[in-house]
C-alpha atoms as a PDB file:
ATOM      1  CA  MET A   1     -50.724 -39.673 102.171  1.00  0.00           C
ATOM      2  CA  ILE A   2     -48.425 -40.937 104.849  1.00  0.00           C
ATOM      3  CA  VAL A   3     -49.902 -43.710 107.123  1.00  0.00           C
ATOM      4  CA  ALA A   4     -48.462 -45.892 109.754  1.00  0.00           C
ATOM      5  CA  ARG A   5     -49.517 -49.433 110.724  1.00  0.00           C
ATOM      6  CA  ARG A   6     -48.530 -52.015 113.598  1.00  0.00           C
ATOM      7  CA  PHE A   7     -48.712 -55.601 112.552  1.00  0.00           C
ATOM      8  CA  VAL A   8     -48.474 -58.529 114.814  1.00  0.00           C
ATOM      9  CA  ILE A   9     -47.834 -61.922 112.882  1.00  0.00           C
ATOM     10  CA  ALA A  10     -48.515 -65.256 114.588  1.00  0.00           C
ATOM     11  CA  GLY A  11     -47.508 -68.787 113.279  1.00  0.00           C
ATOM     12  CA  ARG A  12     -44.137 -70.307 112.255  1.00  0.00           C
ATOM     13  CA  VAL A  13     -42.491 -66.773 112.074  1.00  0.00           C
ATOM     14  CA  GLN A  14     -39.387 -66.914 114.174  1.00  0.00           C
ATOM     15  CA  GLY A  15     -36.362 -68.810 112.927  1.00  0.00           C
ATOM     16  CA  VAL A  16     -37.466 -68.713 109.260  1.00  0.00           C
ATOM     17  CA  GLY A  17     -35.891 -65.360 108.289  1.00  0.00           C
ATOM     18  CA  PHE A  18     -39.150 -63.505 108.671  1.00  0.00           C
ATOM     19  CA  ARG A  19     -37.510 -60.251 109.871  1.00  0.00           C
ATOM     20  CA  VAL A  20     -34.903 -60.318 107.091  1.00  0.00           C
ATOM     21  CA  PHE A  21     -37.708 -60.749 104.622  1.00  0.00           C
ATOM     22  CA  THR A  22     -39.795 -57.946 106.089  1.00  0.00           C
ATOM     23  CA  GLU A  23     -36.718 -55.658 106.080  1.00  0.00           C
ATOM     24  CA  ALA A  24     -36.033 -56.304 102.476  1.00  0.00           C
ATOM     25  CA  ALA A  25     -39.591 -55.755 101.465  1.00  0.00           C
ATOM     26  CA  ALA A  26     -39.553 -52.375 103.422  1.00  0.00           C
ATOM     27  CA  ALA A  27     -36.292 -51.352 101.729  1.00  0.00           C
ATOM     28  CA  ARG A  28     -37.788 -52.051  98.290  1.00  0.00           C
ATOM     29  CA  GLU A  29     -40.860 -50.005  99.032  1.00  0.00           C
ATOM     30  CA  GLY A  30     -39.058 -47.007 100.998  1.00  0.00           C
ATOM     31  CA  VAL A  31     -40.945 -47.262 104.013  1.00  0.00           C
ATOM     32  CA  HIS A  32     -39.629 -46.772 107.553  1.00  0.00           C
ATOM     33  CA  GLY A  33     -40.186 -48.480 110.950  1.00  0.00           C
ATOM     34  CA  PHE A  34     -39.013 -51.863 112.318  1.00  0.00           C
ATOM     35  CA  VAL A  35     -39.649 -55.327 112.747  1.00  0.00           C
ATOM     36  CA  ARG A  36     -38.744 -57.496 115.778  1.00  0.00           C
ATOM     37  CA  ASN A  37     -39.464 -61.009 117.491  1.00  0.00           C
ATOM     38  CA  LEU A  38     -41.742 -61.012 120.432  1.00  0.00           C
ATOM     39  CA  PRO A  39     -41.184 -63.102 123.457  1.00  0.00           C
ATOM     40  CA  ASP A  40     -44.209 -65.341 122.753  1.00  0.00           C
ATOM     41  CA  GLY A  41     -43.045 -66.318 119.376  1.00  0.00           C
ATOM     42  CA  ARG A  42     -44.806 -63.734 117.268  1.00  0.00           C
ATOM     43  CA  VAL A  43     -43.298 -61.045 115.239  1.00  0.00           C
ATOM     44  CA  GLU A  44     -44.158 -57.428 115.508  1.00  0.00           C
ATOM     45  CA  ALA A  45     -43.578 -54.774 112.641  1.00  0.00           C
ATOM     46  CA  VAL A  46     -44.329 -51.050 112.468  1.00  0.00           C
ATOM     47  CA  VAL A  47     -44.402 -49.688 109.088  1.00  0.00           C
ATOM     48  CA  GLU A  48     -44.828 -46.129 107.971  1.00  0.00           C
ATOM     49  CA  GLY A  49     -44.805 -44.350 104.567  1.00  0.00           C
ATOM     50  CA  ASP A  50     -46.881 -43.813 101.469  1.00  0.00           C
ATOM     51  CA  GLN A  51     -50.240 -45.562 101.862  1.00  0.00           C
ATOM     52  CA  GLU A  52     -49.672 -47.610  98.582  1.00  0.00           C
ATOM     53  CA  ALA A  53     -46.257 -48.673  99.714  1.00  0.00           C
ATOM     54  CA  VAL A  54     -47.346 -49.799 103.157  1.00  0.00           C
ATOM     55  CA  ASP A  55     -50.288 -51.681 101.506  1.00  0.00           C
ATOM     56  CA  ARG A  56     -47.651 -53.551  99.209  1.00  0.00           C
ATOM     57  CA  VAL A  57     -45.482 -54.224 102.557  1.00  0.00           C
ATOM     58  CA  GLU A  58     -48.445 -55.380 104.171  1.00  0.00           C
ATOM     59  CA  MET A  59     -49.392 -57.955 101.279  1.00  0.00           C
ATOM     60  CA  LYS A  60     -45.871 -59.335 101.539  1.00  0.00           C
ATOM     61  CA  ILE A  61     -46.080 -59.597 105.490  1.00  0.00           C
ATOM     62  CA  ARG A  62     -49.373 -61.761 104.916  1.00  0.00           C
ATOM     63  CA  ARG A  63     -47.444 -63.973 102.509  1.00  0.00           C
ATOM     64  CA  GLY A  64     -44.167 -64.187 104.408  1.00  0.00           C
ATOM     65  CA  PRO A  65     -40.974 -66.038 103.383  1.00  0.00           C
ATOM     66  CA  ALA A  66     -40.792 -69.483 101.940  1.00  0.00           C
ATOM     67  CA  GLY A  67     -40.366 -71.162 105.456  1.00  0.00           C
ATOM     68  CA  ALA A  68     -43.018 -69.279 107.245  1.00  0.00           C
ATOM     69  CA  ARG A  69     -46.490 -70.416 108.104  1.00  0.00           C
ATOM     70  CA  ILE A  70     -48.765 -67.359 108.731  1.00  0.00           C
ATOM     71  CA  GLU A  71     -51.648 -68.056 111.074  1.00  0.00           C
ATOM     72  CA  SER A  72     -52.816 -64.716 111.636  1.00  0.00           C
ATOM     73  CA  VAL A  73     -51.798 -60.978 111.220  1.00  0.00           C
ATOM     74  CA  GLU A  74     -53.168 -58.348 113.576  1.00  0.00           C
ATOM     75  CA  VAL A  75     -53.336 -54.900 112.029  1.00  0.00           C
ATOM     76  CA  GLU A  76     -53.985 -51.692 113.818  1.00  0.00           C
ATOM     77  CA  PRO A  77     -53.322 -48.078 112.660  1.00  0.00           C
ATOM     78  CA  ALA A  78     -50.517 -46.168 114.338  1.00  0.00           C
ATOM     79  CA  ALA A  79     -49.762 -42.549 114.520  1.00  0.00           C
ATOM     80  CA  PRO A  80     -47.373 -41.622 111.782  1.00  0.00           C
ATOM     81  CA  THR A  81     -44.192 -39.925 113.166  1.00  0.00           C
ATOM     82  CA  TYR A  82     -43.136 -38.226 109.869  1.00  0.00           C
ATOM     83  CA  ARG A  83     -39.391 -39.065 110.475  1.00  0.00           C
ATOM     84  CA  ALA A  84     -37.361 -40.668 107.871  1.00  0.00           C
ATOM     85  CA  THR A  85     -35.632 -43.196 110.118  1.00  0.00           C
ATOM     86  CA  GLY A  86     -35.202 -45.984 107.729  1.00  0.00           C
ATOM     87  CA  PHE A  87     -36.193 -49.677 108.474  1.00  0.00           C
ATOM     88  CA  SER A  88     -34.396 -51.744 111.099  1.00  0.00           C
ATOM     89  CA  ILE A  89     -34.336 -54.944 112.651  1.00  0.00           C
ATOM     90  CA  ARG A  90     -34.577 -54.939 116.349  1.00  0.00           C
END
């Protein structure tokens, strides 16, 4: 089953390689979407793919790279696009 989720991650998540970490996790799992810094210091990621793969990416996002400090992760369902767009850093 294809699902999509939007994540907004707060804490020390900018300047610590969070976007590259997320892109690598997404590539390993074969999911699509994007990750980007938000002006308020948080990071947004939209991930779409097989439900189990999206679950594994979510677990990695909740852990983050070594230099990150995750304070909160907001998760909301998104409408799948069903387009194979790859995963990008914006």
